[in-house]
């Protein structure tokens, strides 16, 4: 599954679609991440104040990866390459 998000609202929508495609509820994700369901809901609604660790916890629970793409070339940059 490949989803593109260019802002927090699109990220939330992509996460919601991925969750629903896997047949999971917000409560299921809450149980897997030890986050409150209100936090999951806030992320899915595009709250720009969502912490990165929350996003990564949810992505891990959904077995998804975070990848950065150049908007003009569509080549991916892996997060590990940015940190090293």
N, C-alpha and C. Protein backbone atom coordinates (compact mmCIF):
# COMPACT_ATOMS: atom_id res chain seq x y z
N UNK A 1 0.85 -1.17 0.00
CA UNK A 1 0.00 0.00 0.00
C UNK A 1 0.90 1.23 0.00
N UNK A 2 0.63 2.15 -0.91
CA UNK A 2 1.40 3.39 -0.97
C UNK A 2 0.44 4.56 -0.86
N UNK A 3 0.63 5.36 0.18
CA UNK A 3 -0.20 6.54 0.41
C UNK A 3 0.70 7.76 0.49
N UNK A 4 0.26 8.86 -0.05
CA UNK A 4 1.03 10.10 -0.03
C UNK A 4 0.31 11.13 0.83
N UNK A 5 1.09 11.81 1.66
CA UNK A 5 0.54 12.88 2.50
C UNK A 5 1.47 14.08 2.45
N UNK A 6 0.89 15.24 2.19
CA UNK A 6 1.68 16.47 2.12
C UNK A 6 1.39 17.44 3.26
N UNK A 7 0.46 17.06 4.13
CA UNK A 7 0.15 17.87 5.30
C UNK A 7 -0.45 16.97 6.37
N UNK A 8 -0.69 17.54 7.54
CA UNK A 8 -1.16 16.72 8.66
C UNK A 8 -2.54 16.12 8.41
N UNK A 9 -3.39 16.85 7.73
CA UNK A 9 -4.73 16.33 7.43
C UNK A 9 -4.64 15.11 6.51
N UNK A 10 -3.82 15.21 5.48
CA UNK A 10 -3.64 14.08 4.57
C UNK A 10 -2.98 12.90 5.26
N UNK A 11 -2.05 13.17 6.17
CA UNK A 11 -1.41 12.09 6.92
C UNK A 11 -2.45 11.36 7.77
N UNK A 12 -3.29 12.12 8.45
CA UNK A 12 -4.34 11.52 9.26
C UNK A 12 -5.29 10.67 8.44
N UNK A 13 -5.66 11.19 7.27
CA UNK A 13 -6.56 10.45 6.39
C UNK A 13 -5.91 9.17 5.88
N UNK A 14 -4.62 9.23 5.56
CA UNK A 14 -3.89 8.05 5.09
C UNK A 14 -3.81 7.00 6.18
N UNK A 15 -3.54 7.43 7.40
CA UNK A 15 -3.48 6.49 8.52
C UNK A 15 -4.85 5.86 8.77
N UNK A 16 -5.90 6.67 8.70
CA UNK A 16 -7.26 6.13 8.89
C UNK A 16 -7.58 5.08 7.82
N UNK A 17 -7.27 5.40 6.56
CA UNK A 17 -7.53 4.44 5.47
C UNK A 17 -6.76 3.14 5.69
N UNK A 18 -5.49 3.26 6.09
CA UNK A 18 -4.67 2.06 6.32
C UNK A 18 -5.25 1.24 7.47
N UNK A 19 -5.68 1.91 8.53
CA UNK A 19 -6.25 1.21 9.68
C UNK A 19 -7.52 0.47 9.27
N UNK A 20 -8.39 1.15 8.55
CA UNK A 20 -9.65 0.53 8.14
C UNK A 20 -9.42 -0.61 7.16
N UNK A 21 -8.44 -0.45 6.28
CA UNK A 21 -8.14 -1.51 5.31
C UNK A 21 -7.69 -2.79 6.03
N UNK A 22 -7.04 -2.63 7.17
CA UNK A 22 -6.62 -3.78 7.97
C UNK A 22 -7.73 -4.29 8.88
N UNK A 23 -8.89 -3.62 8.85
CA UNK A 23 -10.02 -4.05 9.66
C UNK A 23 -9.85 -3.76 11.14
N UNK A 24 -9.07 -2.73 11.46
CA UNK A 24 -8.81 -2.38 12.86
C UNK A 24 -9.61 -1.16 13.28
N UNK A 25 -9.92 -1.10 14.56
CA UNK A 25 -10.59 0.07 15.12
C UNK A 25 -9.55 0.96 15.80
N UNK A 26 -9.96 2.17 16.14
CA UNK A 26 -9.07 3.04 16.89
C UNK A 26 -8.74 2.40 18.24
N UNK A 27 -9.68 1.68 18.81
CA UNK A 27 -9.45 0.99 20.08
C UNK A 27 -8.38 -0.09 19.92
N UNK A 28 -8.38 -0.80 18.78
CA UNK A 28 -7.35 -1.80 18.51
C UNK A 28 -5.96 -1.15 18.49
N UNK A 29 -5.87 -0.01 17.80
CA UNK A 29 -4.58 0.70 17.71
C UNK A 29 -4.19 1.22 19.08
N UNK A 30 -5.16 1.69 19.83
CA UNK A 30 -4.91 2.16 21.19
C UNK A 30 -4.30 1.05 22.04
N UNK A 31 -4.84 -0.13 21.93
CA UNK A 31 -4.33 -1.28 22.70
C UNK A 31 -2.91 -1.65 22.28
N UNK A 32 -2.63 -1.57 21.00
CA UNK A 32 -1.31 -1.94 20.48
C UNK A 32 -0.23 -0.91 20.82
N UNK A 33 -0.64 0.34 21.04
CA UNK A 33 0.33 1.43 21.22
C UNK A 33 0.35 2.01 22.63
N UNK A 34 -0.62 1.63 23.46
CA UNK A 34 -0.79 2.23 24.78
C UNK A 34 -1.07 3.73 24.70
N UNK A 35 -1.69 4.15 23.61
CA UNK A 35 -2.13 5.54 23.44
C UNK A 35 -3.64 5.59 23.65
N UNK A 36 -4.14 6.71 24.08
CA UNK A 36 -5.57 6.86 24.26
C UNK A 36 -6.26 6.89 22.89
N UNK A 37 -7.50 6.40 22.84
CA UNK A 37 -8.24 6.45 21.57
C UNK A 37 -8.44 7.90 21.12
N UNK A 38 -8.54 8.83 22.07
CA UNK A 38 -8.66 10.24 21.71
C UNK A 38 -7.41 10.73 20.97
N UNK A 39 -6.26 10.19 21.34
CA UNK A 39 -5.01 10.56 20.67
C UNK A 39 -4.99 10.02 19.24
N UNK A 40 -5.45 8.79 19.06
CA UNK A 40 -5.54 8.19 17.72
C UNK A 40 -6.50 9.01 16.87
N UNK A 41 -7.63 9.37 17.43
CA UNK A 41 -8.62 10.17 16.72
C UNK A 41 -8.05 11.52 16.32
N UNK A 42 -7.34 12.14 17.23
CA UNK A 42 -6.73 13.44 16.96
C UNK A 42 -5.74 13.35 15.80
N UNK A 43 -4.92 12.32 15.80
CA UNK A 43 -3.96 12.09 14.71
C UNK A 43 -4.71 11.91 13.39
N UNK A 44 -5.73 11.07 13.40
CA UNK A 44 -6.48 10.80 12.17
C UNK A 44 -7.24 12.03 11.67
N UNK A 45 -7.53 12.95 12.57
CA UNK A 45 -8.22 14.19 12.18
C UNK A 45 -7.24 15.28 11.74
N UNK A 46 -5.96 14.97 11.73
CA UNK A 46 -4.97 15.90 11.20
C UNK A 46 -4.46 16.94 12.18
N UNK A 47 -4.53 16.64 13.46
CA UNK A 47 -4.02 17.59 14.47
C UNK A 47 -2.54 17.86 14.23
N UNK A 48 -2.17 19.12 13.94
CA UNK A 48 -0.77 19.44 13.68
C UNK A 48 0.11 19.35 14.92
N UNK A 49 -0.48 19.23 16.10
CA UNK A 49 0.29 19.14 17.33
C UNK A 49 0.66 17.72 17.72
N UNK A 50 0.33 16.75 16.88
CA UNK A 50 0.64 15.36 17.18
C UNK A 50 2.15 15.15 17.22
N UNK A 51 2.62 14.50 18.27
CA UNK A 51 4.05 14.26 18.43
C UNK A 51 4.53 13.18 17.46
N UNK A 52 5.76 13.33 17.02
CA UNK A 52 6.35 12.37 16.08
C UNK A 52 6.36 10.96 16.67
N UNK A 53 6.63 10.82 17.96
CA UNK A 53 6.66 9.47 18.54
C UNK A 53 5.28 8.82 18.48
N UNK A 54 4.23 9.63 18.57
CA UNK A 54 2.88 9.11 18.44
C UNK A 54 2.65 8.60 17.02
N UNK A 55 3.06 9.38 16.06
CA UNK A 55 2.90 8.98 14.65
C UNK A 55 3.64 7.67 14.39
N UNK A 56 4.89 7.59 14.85
CA UNK A 56 5.68 6.38 14.62
C UNK A 56 5.12 5.17 15.37
N UNK A 57 4.56 5.38 16.54
CA UNK A 57 3.93 4.27 17.27
C UNK A 57 2.74 3.71 16.50
N UNK A 58 1.93 4.61 15.95
CA UNK A 58 0.77 4.19 15.18
C UNK A 58 1.20 3.52 13.88
N UNK A 59 2.20 4.07 13.22
CA UNK A 59 2.70 3.45 11.99
C UNK A 59 3.22 2.04 12.28
N UNK A 60 3.92 1.87 13.38
CA UNK A 60 4.43 0.55 13.75
C UNK A 60 3.27 -0.41 14.02
N UNK A 61 2.26 0.06 14.72
CA UNK A 61 1.09 -0.79 15.01
C UNK A 61 0.38 -1.22 13.73
N UNK A 62 0.45 -0.37 12.70
CA UNK A 62 -0.18 -0.69 11.42
C UNK A 62 0.77 -1.39 10.45
N UNK A 63 2.00 -1.66 10.93
CA UNK A 63 3.03 -2.28 10.11
C UNK A 63 3.30 -1.47 8.84
N UNK A 64 3.43 -0.15 9.03
CA UNK A 64 3.73 0.77 7.94
C UNK A 64 5.09 1.42 8.16
N UNK A 65 5.70 1.90 7.09
CA UNK A 65 6.96 2.62 7.16
C UNK A 65 6.76 4.06 6.75
N UNK A 66 7.64 4.90 7.24
CA UNK A 66 7.64 6.32 6.91
C UNK A 66 8.74 6.53 5.87
N UNK A 67 8.40 7.13 4.75
CA UNK A 67 9.37 7.34 3.68
C UNK A 67 9.22 8.76 3.16
N UNK A 68 10.34 9.42 2.89
CA UNK A 68 10.30 10.77 2.35
C UNK A 68 10.55 10.73 0.85
N UNK A 69 9.76 11.48 0.12
CA UNK A 69 9.91 11.55 -1.33
C UNK A 69 10.11 12.99 -1.75
N UNK A 70 10.92 13.18 -2.75
CA UNK A 70 11.08 14.49 -3.34
C UNK A 70 9.83 14.78 -4.16
N UNK A 71 9.27 15.95 -4.02
CA UNK A 71 8.05 16.27 -4.77
C UNK A 71 8.32 16.40 -6.26
N UNK A 72 9.52 16.77 -6.62
CA UNK A 72 9.78 16.99 -8.04
C UNK A 72 10.35 15.78 -8.77
N UNK A 73 10.92 14.83 -8.05
CA UNK A 73 11.55 13.70 -8.72
C UNK A 73 10.96 12.35 -8.34
N UNK A 74 10.20 12.27 -7.29
CA UNK A 74 9.59 11.03 -6.80
C UNK A 74 10.60 9.96 -6.46
N UNK A 75 11.81 10.36 -6.04
CA UNK A 75 12.77 9.39 -5.55
C UNK A 75 12.70 9.38 -4.03
N UNK A 76 12.80 8.22 -3.47
CA UNK A 76 12.63 8.14 -2.02
C UNK A 76 13.95 8.34 -1.29
N UNK A 77 13.84 8.92 -0.11
CA UNK A 77 14.96 9.09 0.79
C UNK A 77 14.57 8.38 2.08
N UNK A 78 15.31 7.39 2.44
CA UNK A 78 14.98 6.67 3.67
C UNK A 78 15.39 7.50 4.88
N UNK A 79 14.59 7.44 5.92
CA UNK A 79 14.82 8.22 7.13
C UNK A 79 16.21 7.92 7.71
N UNK A 80 16.65 6.68 7.65
CA UNK A 80 17.97 6.33 8.18
C UNK A 80 19.07 7.10 7.47
N UNK A 81 18.92 7.34 6.17
CA UNK A 81 19.93 8.07 5.41
C UNK A 81 20.00 9.53 5.83
N UNK A 82 18.90 10.09 6.28
CA UNK A 82 18.88 11.48 6.73
C UNK A 82 19.58 11.64 8.07
N UNK A 83 19.47 10.63 8.91
CA UNK A 83 20.02 10.71 10.26
C UNK A 83 21.51 10.44 10.26
N UNK A 84 21.98 9.55 9.41
CA UNK A 84 23.40 9.17 9.39
C UNK A 84 24.26 10.17 8.72
